[in-house]
Protein backbone atom coordinates (compact mmCIF):
# COMPACT_ATOMS: atom_id res chain seq x y z
CA MET A 1 0.00 0.00 0.00
CA ILE A 2 1.38 3.39 -0.97
CA LEU A 3 0.54 6.01 1.62
CA ASN A 4 0.50 9.73 1.02
CA PHE A 5 2.80 10.69 3.90
CA ASP A 6 6.00 12.30 2.65
CA SER A 7 8.26 12.97 5.63
CA ARG A 8 10.51 15.30 3.63
CA GLU A 9 7.61 17.53 2.63
CA TYR A 10 6.25 17.41 6.17
CA LEU A 11 9.59 18.51 7.63
CA LYS A 12 9.75 21.39 5.12
CA GLY A 13 6.36 22.54 6.38
CA ASN A 14 4.60 21.84 3.08
CA ILE A 15 2.12 19.42 4.66
CA LYS A 16 -0.31 20.66 7.29
CA PRO A 17 -0.01 18.69 10.54
CA TYR A 18 -2.96 16.38 11.18
CA LYS A 19 -2.68 14.23 14.29
CA VAL A 20 -4.81 11.11 14.52
CA GLY A 21 -5.47 9.53 17.90
CA ILE A 22 -6.10 5.80 17.97
CA PHE A 23 -8.07 4.04 20.69
CA GLY A 24 -9.21 0.45 20.77
CA SER A 25 -9.74 -2.81 22.55
CA ARG A 26 -6.87 -4.99 23.70
CA THR A 27 -8.59 -8.07 22.25
CA LEU A 28 -8.21 -6.80 18.67
CA LYS A 29 -4.82 -7.19 17.01
CA ASP A 30 -5.22 -9.06 13.73
CA GLU A 31 -4.82 -7.90 10.12
CA ARG A 32 -8.32 -6.37 9.99
CA ILE A 33 -7.24 -3.72 12.46
CA LYS A 34 -4.15 -2.89 10.43
CA MET A 35 -6.28 -2.49 7.29
CA ILE A 36 -8.75 -0.16 9.04
CA ILE A 37 -5.92 2.01 10.39
CA LEU A 38 -4.08 2.16 7.05
CA GLU A 39 -7.23 3.06 5.10
CA LYS A 40 -8.19 5.84 7.50
CA ILE A 41 -4.76 7.46 7.86
CA LYS A 42 -4.42 7.50 4.08
CA GLU A 43 -7.88 9.04 3.66
CA LEU A 44 -7.16 11.67 6.34
CA ASN A 45 -3.64 12.58 5.18
CA ALA A 46 -2.46 11.95 8.73
CA THR A 47 0.95 13.29 9.69
CA MET A 48 1.22 11.73 13.16
CA ILE A 49 -0.35 8.88 15.08
CA ILE A 50 -1.02 9.31 18.79
CA THR A 51 -1.88 6.29 20.91
CA CYS A 52 -1.23 4.74 24.29
CA GLN A 53 1.68 2.47 25.02
CA GLU A 54 -0.07 -0.86 25.45
CA PRO A 55 1.51 -4.27 25.10
CA GLN A 56 -1.32 -5.61 22.96
CA GLY A 57 -4.41 -4.83 20.95
CA VAL A 58 -5.27 -1.90 18.69
CA SER A 59 -2.54 0.33 20.14
CA GLU A 60 0.07 -2.32 19.41
CA VAL A 61 -1.13 -2.55 15.80
CA ALA A 62 -1.02 1.25 15.46
CA GLN A 63 2.59 1.24 16.67
CA ARG A 64 3.50 -1.47 14.16
CA VAL A 65 1.87 0.51 11.33
CA CYS A 66 3.97 3.55 12.28
CA LYS A 67 7.13 1.47 12.33
CA ASP A 68 6.41 -0.29 9.03
CA TYR A 69 5.32 2.83 7.11
CA GLY A 70 7.50 5.51 8.69
CA TYR A 71 4.74 7.52 10.36
CA PRO A 72 5.68 9.72 13.30
CA LEU A 73 4.34 8.20 16.51
CA GLN A 74 3.58 9.83 19.84
CA LEU A 75 3.01 7.45 22.76
CA HIS A 76 1.28 8.26 26.02
CA PHE A 77 2.09 6.23 29.09
CA LEU A 78 0.11 5.67 32.27
CA ASN A 79 1.00 8.20 34.96
CA MET A 80 0.42 6.38 38.22
CA GLN A 81 0.33 9.60 40.24
CA TYR A 82 -3.35 9.63 39.18
CA LEU A 83 -3.83 6.16 40.73
CA ARG A 84 -7.20 4.76 39.62
CA GLY A 85 -7.66 7.68 37.26
CA ALA A 86 -4.45 6.95 35.34
CA PHE A 87 -6.25 5.39 32.35
CA GLU A 88 -8.77 8.24 32.12
CA GLN A 89 -6.03 10.87 32.41
CA ARG A 90 -3.98 9.24 29.66
CA SER A 91 -7.02 9.18 27.37
CA LYS A 92 -7.73 12.86 28.07
CA GLU A 93 -4.12 13.74 27.21
CA ILE A 94 -4.42 11.97 23.85
CA ILE A 95 -7.76 13.66 23.15
CA SER A 96 -6.28 17.08 23.88
CA GLU A 97 -3.44 16.47 21.38
CA ALA A 98 -5.20 14.84 18.41
CA ASP A 99 -7.34 16.37 15.66
CA TYR A 100 -9.24 13.21 14.72
CA PHE A 101 -9.77 9.75 16.23
CA ILE A 102 -9.99 6.18 15.05
CA ILE A 103 -11.82 4.08 17.65
CA ILE A 104 -11.91 0.32 17.07
CA HIS A 105 -14.06 -1.48 19.62
CA ASP A 106 -14.76 -5.14 20.30
CA GLY A 107 -18.21 -4.13 21.54
CA GLU A 108 -17.39 -5.19 25.10
CA SER A 109 -14.41 -3.21 26.37
CA LYS A 110 -15.50 -0.62 28.95
CA GLY A 111 -12.28 1.32 28.50
CA THR A 112 -12.83 1.78 24.77
CA ALA A 113 -16.49 2.68 25.39
CA ASN A 114 -15.37 5.34 27.89
CA GLU A 115 -12.80 6.70 25.43
CA LYS A 116 -15.52 7.02 22.79
CA LYS A 117 -17.67 8.98 25.26
CA LEU A 118 -14.76 11.31 26.03
CA VAL A 119 -14.12 11.90 22.32
CA GLU A 120 -17.82 12.61 21.72
CA LYS A 121 -17.79 15.07 24.62
CA SER A 122 -14.74 16.81 23.12
CA GLY A 123 -16.67 17.49 19.91
CA LYS A 124 -13.74 16.35 17.76
CA PRO A 125 -14.41 14.17 14.68
CA PHE A 126 -13.92 10.42 14.85
CA HIS A 127 -14.40 7.12 13.05
CA TYR A 128 -15.93 4.37 15.20
CA GLU A 129 -16.01 0.74 14.21
CA ILE A 130 -17.08 -2.39 16.08
CA VAL A 131 -15.01 -5.45 15.14
CA GLU A 132 -15.63 -8.88 16.62
CA PRO A 133 -12.55 -10.55 18.10
CA THR A 134 -11.16 -13.46 16.12
CA LYS A 135 -9.15 -16.40 17.32
CA TYR A 136 -6.70 -15.88 14.44
CA ASP A 137 -3.91 -13.32 14.85
CA ARG A 138 -2.95 -13.24 11.18
CA SER A 139 -6.31 -13.78 9.48
CA VAL A 140 -7.98 -10.93 7.66
CA GLY A 141 -11.35 -12.29 8.72
CA PHE A 142 -13.73 -9.71 7.22
CA ASN A 143 -17.15 -11.18 6.55
CA ILE A 144 -17.77 -11.66 2.84
CA GLN A 145 -20.85 -9.72 1.74
CA ASP A 146 -21.29 -10.98 -1.84
CA ASP A 147 -20.48 -14.20 -3.65
CA TRP A 148 -17.30 -14.08 -5.67
CA ASP A 149 -17.76 -14.02 -9.43
CA PHE A 150 -15.14 -15.21 -11.90
CA LYS A 151 -15.86 -15.47 -15.63
CA PHE A 152 -13.53 -17.85 -17.42
CA ASP A 153 -15.02 -17.31 -20.87
CA THR A 154 -13.99 -13.65 -21.22
CA PRO A 155 -10.47 -12.52 -22.18
CA ASP A 156 -10.01 -10.40 -19.06
CA TRP A 157 -11.66 -13.05 -16.82
CA GLY A 158 -14.30 -10.56 -15.77
CA MET A 159 -11.80 -8.33 -13.97
CA ASP A 160 -12.70 -4.80 -14.99
């Protein structure tokens, strides 16, 4: 996939900064998540990804995307001086920094649901998607909507 981020042009100031915050469930880490993130950051012309430093899940995938495609990455860590409020505080810090949000939810995570509520309260734009967890780490796993069609009797095999 060719992305539209050109770090040289960004450093010259020719590309307007657009920071995208990514929140999501820890149960989601397969290829579907990577595809959602890549499609959205390309569509948005993102110049930086902001997420939390988590050992697994959507945040881990976001970090891998940044590493693989050369996107600037800003990580926010838990600050335990806030004790039980450390997760909420970290989310608020990310929300204050980002211009747009990608929220990928397993439909069950209370943390991701709370982050969505905070983003809604902020009034900033976001993309929200519910994705069911899969037992396969490397499977794409999107549900197929239509039957595949392949025409052998045409020269281009029906591939327009």
